[in-house]
Amino acid sequence: MITLDELHAFVIGFFEVLCPWPACYHRSWQPPVYLEKEYHYYLAGRGAGFVALLCVILLFSYLVKEVL
């Protein structure tokens, strides 16, 4: 069962990559409370966000190619 903390960590990681925001967690910093125990969900969200960003870029390039 997915808890709200796990979902929150996944969503934060996903949207940090999808909208290229600076990462809110670095190994040298003290992790935020919602990432302290759910870091693996944060990393999974970043991975999924990267794949989604690649899909958006490919779709955008395909649409530009079709229009031009």
C-alpha atoms as a PDB file:
ATOM      1  CA  MET A   1       0.000   0.000   0.000  1.00  0.00           C
ATOM      2  CA  ILE A   2       1.354   3.418  -0.931  1.00  0.00           C
ATOM      3  CA  THR A   3       1.324   5.970   1.862  1.00  0.00           C
ATOM      4  CA  LEU A   4       0.971   9.703   1.386  1.00  0.00           C
ATOM      5  CA  ASP A   5       4.643  10.265   2.259  1.00  0.00           C
ATOM      6  CA  GLU A   6       5.721   7.810  -0.437  1.00  0.00           C
ATOM      7  CA  LEU A   7       3.413   9.411  -2.990  1.00  0.00           C
ATOM      8  CA  HIS A   8       4.602  12.884  -2.002  1.00  0.00           C
ATOM      9  CA  ALA A   9       8.258  11.914  -2.425  1.00  0.00           C
ATOM     10  CA  PHE A  10       7.505  10.359  -5.845  1.00  0.00           C
ATOM     11  CA  VAL A  11       5.589  13.421  -7.065  1.00  0.00           C
ATOM     12  CA  ILE A  12       8.309  15.818  -5.886  1.00  0.00           C
ATOM     13  CA  GLY A  13      10.966  13.800  -7.723  1.00  0.00           C
ATOM     14  CA  PHE A  14       8.791  13.469 -10.846  1.00  0.00           C
ATOM     15  CA  PHE A  15       8.072  17.166 -11.241  1.00  0.00           C
ATOM     16  CA  GLU A  16      11.624  18.246 -10.415  1.00  0.00           C
ATOM     17  CA  VAL A  17      12.723  16.519 -13.608  1.00  0.00           C
ATOM     18  CA  LEU A  18       9.644  17.094 -15.776  1.00  0.00           C
ATOM     19  CA  CYS A  19       9.866  20.839 -15.153  1.00  0.00           C
ATOM     20  CA  PRO A  20      13.641  21.195 -14.835  1.00  0.00           C
ATOM     21  CA  TRP A  21      13.687  22.643 -11.329  1.00  0.00           C
ATOM     22  CA  PRO A  22      16.780  22.488  -9.192  1.00  0.00           C
ATOM     23  CA  ALA A  23      16.807  19.359  -7.048  1.00  0.00           C
ATOM     24  CA  CYS A  24      15.478  19.947  -3.546  1.00  0.00           C
ATOM     25  CA  TYR A  25      17.696  17.231  -2.096  1.00  0.00           C
ATOM     26  CA  HIS A  26      21.458  16.912  -2.272  1.00  0.00           C
ATOM     27  CA  ARG A  27      23.472  14.319  -0.393  1.00  0.00           C
ATOM     28  CA  SER A  28      25.449  17.002   1.447  1.00  0.00           C
ATOM     29  CA  TRP A  29      22.286  18.623   2.861  1.00  0.00           C
ATOM     30  CA  GLN A  30      19.996  17.420   5.585  1.00  0.00           C
ATOM     31  CA  PRO A  31      17.071  15.778   3.725  1.00  0.00           C
ATOM     32  CA  PRO A  32      13.600  17.283   4.108  1.00  0.00           C
ATOM     33  CA  VAL A  33      11.242  15.377   6.396  1.00  0.00           C
ATOM     34  CA  TYR A  34       9.189  13.896   3.541  1.00  0.00           C
ATOM     35  CA  LEU A  35      12.350  12.505   1.887  1.00  0.00           C
ATOM     36  CA  GLU A  36      14.119  11.244   4.952  1.00  0.00           C
ATOM     37  CA  LYS A  37      12.675   7.715   4.827  1.00  0.00           C
ATOM     38  CA  GLU A  38      11.234   7.713   1.308  1.00  0.00           C
ATOM     39  CA  TYR A  39      14.310   8.611  -0.734  1.00  0.00           C
ATOM     40  CA  HIS A  40      13.890   5.596  -3.026  1.00  0.00           C
ATOM     41  CA  TYR A  41      10.442   6.865  -4.065  1.00  0.00           C
ATOM     42  CA  TYR A  42      11.986  10.264  -4.751  1.00  0.00           C
ATOM     43  CA  LEU A  43      14.568   8.632  -7.027  1.00  0.00           C
ATOM     44  CA  ALA A  44      11.879   6.575  -8.760  1.00  0.00           C
ATOM     45  CA  GLY A  45       9.926   9.788  -9.360  1.00  0.00           C
ATOM     46  CA  ARG A  46      12.998  11.442 -10.845  1.00  0.00           C
ATOM     47  CA  GLY A  47      13.505   8.459 -13.153  1.00  0.00           C
ATOM     48  CA  ALA A  48       9.872   8.481 -14.265  1.00  0.00           C
ATOM     49  CA  GLY A  49      10.036  12.250 -14.738  1.00  0.00           C
ATOM     50  CA  PHE A  50      13.086  11.898 -16.965  1.00  0.00           C
ATOM     51  CA  VAL A  51      11.298   9.346 -19.154  1.00  0.00           C
ATOM     52  CA  ALA A  52       8.233  11.605 -19.314  1.00  0.00           C
ATOM     53  CA  LEU A  53      10.418  14.593 -20.240  1.00  0.00           C
ATOM     54  CA  LEU A  54      12.008  12.602 -23.065  1.00  0.00           C
ATOM     55  CA  CYS A  55       8.544  11.645 -24.335  1.00  0.00           C
ATOM     56  CA  VAL A  56       7.409  15.278 -24.246  1.00  0.00           C
ATOM     57  CA  ILE A  57      10.517  16.413 -26.137  1.00  0.00           C
ATOM     58  CA  LEU A  58      10.082  13.682 -28.762  1.00  0.00           C
ATOM     59  CA  LEU A  59       6.386  14.497 -29.169  1.00  0.00           C
ATOM     60  CA  PHE A  60       7.147  18.202 -29.488  1.00  0.00           C
ATOM     61  CA  SER A  61       9.858  17.576 -32.081  1.00  0.00           C
ATOM     62  CA  TYR A  62       7.485  15.320 -34.047  1.00  0.00           C
ATOM     63  CA  LEU A  63       4.780  18.007 -34.005  1.00  0.00           C
ATOM     64  CA  VAL A  64       7.234  20.701 -35.112  1.00  0.00           C
ATOM     65  CA  LYS A  65       8.447  18.467 -37.929  1.00  0.00           C
ATOM     66  CA  GLU A  66       4.866  17.876 -39.112  1.00  0.00           C
ATOM     67  CA  VAL A  67       3.962  21.564 -39.038  1.00  0.00           C
ATOM     68  CA  LEU A  68       7.090  22.759 -40.833  1.00  0.00           C
END
